C-alpha atoms as a PDB file:
ATOM      1  CA  MET A   1      17.255  10.133   1.552  1.00  0.00           C
ATOM      2  CA  SER A   2      15.214  13.202   0.850  1.00  0.00           C
ATOM      3  CA  ALA A   3      13.337  13.932  -2.484  1.00  0.00           C
ATOM      4  CA  TYR A   4      16.299  16.273  -3.535  1.00  0.00           C
ATOM      5  CA  ALA A   5      19.641  14.973  -4.425  1.00  0.00           C
ATOM      6  CA  ALA A   6      22.915  16.964  -4.779  1.00  0.00           C
ATOM      7  CA  ASN A   7      24.705  17.368  -8.055  1.00  0.00           C
ATOM      8  CA  ARG A   8      28.200  17.006  -8.287  1.00  0.00           C
ATOM      9  CA  SER A   9      29.016  20.577  -7.644  1.00  0.00           C
ATOM     10  CA  GLY A  10      26.854  20.221  -4.322  1.00  0.00           C
ATOM     11  CA  ASN A  11      25.417  23.617  -4.262  1.00  0.00           C
ATOM     12  CA  ARG A  12      22.542  23.172  -6.462  1.00  0.00           C
ATOM     13  CA  ARG A  13      19.708  20.457  -5.889  1.00  0.00           C
ATOM     14  CA  MET A  14      17.857  18.450  -8.552  1.00  0.00           C
ATOM     15  CA  ARG A  15      14.448  16.739  -8.391  1.00  0.00           C
ATOM     16  CA  ARG A  16      14.498  13.122  -8.538  1.00  0.00           C
ATOM     17  CA  SER A  17      11.619  11.886 -10.932  1.00  0.00           C
ATOM     18  CA  TYR A  18       9.530   8.755  -9.772  1.00  0.00           C
ATOM     19  CA  ARG A  19       7.303   6.552 -11.690  1.00  0.00           C
ATOM     20  CA  PRO A  20       3.694   7.196 -10.831  1.00  0.00           C
ATOM     21  CA  LYS A  21       2.169   4.233  -8.980  1.00  0.00           C
ATOM     22  CA  VAL A  22      -0.870   2.579 -10.355  1.00  0.00           C
ATOM     23  CA  CYS A  23      -3.752   1.056  -8.154  1.00  0.00           C
ATOM     24  CA  LYS A  24      -3.670  -2.573  -8.524  1.00  0.00           C
ATOM     25  CA  PHE A  25      -7.432  -2.731  -8.474  1.00  0.00           C
ATOM     26  CA  CYS A  26      -7.858  -0.407 -11.083  1.00  0.00           C
ATOM     27  CA  ALA A  27      -5.246  -1.719 -13.335  1.00  0.00           C
ATOM     28  CA  ASN A  28      -6.367  -5.400 -13.059  1.00  0.00           C
ATOM     29  CA  LYS A  29     -10.393  -5.615 -13.042  1.00  0.00           C
ATOM     30  CA  THR A  30     -10.595  -9.000 -12.381  1.00  0.00           C
ATOM     31  CA  TRP A  31      -9.056  -8.645  -8.847  1.00  0.00           C
ATOM     32  CA  GLY A  32     -11.725  -8.271  -6.216  1.00  0.00           C
ATOM     33  CA  ILE A  33     -11.332  -7.353  -2.660  1.00  0.00           C
ATOM     34  CA  ASP A  34     -12.808  -9.666  -0.156  1.00  0.00           C
ATOM     35  CA  TYR A  35     -11.770 -10.455   3.272  1.00  0.00           C
ATOM     36  CA  LYS A  36     -11.912 -14.119   2.496  1.00  0.00           C
ATOM     37  CA  ASP A  37      -8.839 -14.033   0.259  1.00  0.00           C
ATOM     38  CA  ILE A  38      -6.118 -13.626   2.809  1.00  0.00           C
ATOM     39  CA  ASN A  39      -3.010 -13.939   0.316  1.00  0.00           C
ATOM     40  CA  ARG A  40      -4.181 -10.861  -1.597  1.00  0.00           C
ATOM     41  CA  LEU A  41      -4.705  -9.111   1.576  1.00  0.00           C
ATOM     42  CA  ARG A  42      -1.653  -9.976   3.097  1.00  0.00           C
ATOM     43  CA  LEU A  43       0.004  -7.809   0.082  1.00  0.00           C
ATOM     44  CA  PHE A  44      -1.485  -4.456   1.605  1.00  0.00           C
ATOM     45  CA  ILE A  45      -0.198  -5.383   5.304  1.00  0.00           C
ATOM     46  CA  THR A  46       3.324  -4.853   6.911  1.00  0.00           C
ATOM     47  CA  GLU A  47       5.187  -7.508   8.756  1.00  0.00           C
ATOM     48  CA  ARG A  48       3.635  -5.702  11.852  1.00  0.00           C
ATOM     49  CA  ALA A  49       0.345  -6.301  10.599  1.00  0.00           C
ATOM     50  CA  LYS A  50      -0.255  -2.370  10.075  1.00  0.00           C
ATOM     51  CA  ILE A  51      -2.255  -1.516   6.906  1.00  0.00           C
ATOM     52  CA  ILE A  52       0.192   0.255   4.331  1.00  0.00           C
ATOM     53  CA  PRO A  53      -1.200   3.496   3.545  1.00  0.00           C
ATOM     54  CA  ARG A  54      -1.999   4.799  -0.111  1.00  0.00           C
ATOM     55  CA  ARG A  55       0.839   6.619  -0.772  1.00  0.00           C
ATOM     56  CA  ILE A  56       3.179   3.632  -0.552  1.00  0.00           C
ATOM     57  CA  SER A  57       0.620   0.996  -1.816  1.00  0.00           C
ATOM     58  CA  GLY A  58      -0.480   3.422  -4.627  1.00  0.00           C
ATOM     59  CA  ASN A  59      -4.124   2.105  -4.546  1.00  0.00           C
ATOM     60  CA  CYS A  60      -6.711   4.826  -5.256  1.00  0.00           C
ATOM     61  CA  ALA A  61      -8.748   6.370  -2.643  1.00  0.00           C
ATOM     62  CA  LYS A  62     -12.111   4.502  -3.418  1.00  0.00           C
ATOM     63  CA  HIS A  63      -9.846   0.798  -3.318  1.00  0.00           C
ATOM     64  CA  GLN A  64      -7.924   1.967  -0.408  1.00  0.00           C
ATOM     65  CA  ARG A  65     -11.208   2.431   1.732  1.00  0.00           C
ATOM     66  CA  GLU A  66     -12.301  -0.886   0.605  1.00  0.00           C
ATOM     67  CA  LEU A  67      -9.446  -2.536   1.375  1.00  0.00           C
ATOM     68  CA  THR A  68      -9.250  -1.149   4.721  1.00  0.00           C
ATOM     69  CA  VAL A  69     -12.751  -2.292   5.637  1.00  0.00           C
ATOM     70  CA  GLU A  70     -12.155  -5.967   4.336  1.00  0.00           C
ATOM     71  CA  ILE A  71      -8.596  -6.085   6.394  1.00  0.00           C
ATOM     72  CA  LYS A  72     -10.679  -5.022   9.436  1.00  0.00           C
ATOM     73  CA  LYS A  73     -13.465  -7.775   8.899  1.00  0.00           C
ATOM     74  CA  ALA A  74     -10.611 -10.316   8.171  1.00  0.00           C
ATOM     75  CA  ARG A  75      -9.169  -9.313  11.613  1.00  0.00           C
ATOM     76  CA  ASN A  76     -12.328  -9.629  13.339  1.00  0.00           C
ATOM     77  CA  ILE A  77     -12.732 -13.506  12.273  1.00  0.00           C
ATOM     78  CA  ALA A  78      -9.284 -14.393  13.080  1.00  0.00           C
ATOM     79  CA  LEU A  79      -7.919 -14.525   9.548  1.00  0.00           C
ATOM     80  CA  LEU A  80      -5.597 -11.907   9.854  1.00  0.00           C
ATOM     81  CA  PRO A  81      -3.809 -10.594  13.009  1.00  0.00           C
ATOM     82  CA  PHE A  82      -4.037  -7.542  14.829  1.00  0.00           C
ATOM     83  CA  VAL A  83      -0.271  -6.934  15.700  1.00  0.00           C
ATOM     84  CA  ALA A  84       2.852  -9.026  14.956  1.00  0.00           C
ATOM     85  CA  GLU A  85       3.841 -11.882  17.480  1.00  0.00           C
END
């Protein structure tokens, strides 16, 4: 469904309001990004083993870059898969 929804009359479009996403790493300072923490990294990859983009995960740019590097490290030492089976 698009970001616009038709009202009852059908001729005027209204904008949906969304709750802003918050970076999980900025909100929770105790969370660190580490390639050895597989359970936390799995929250940010899809079932097809693709990295979830920023606009969906809600991460800030700094933490998304760090997360991407750590996921790639975990893939290289075979802790995470490159592709789904």
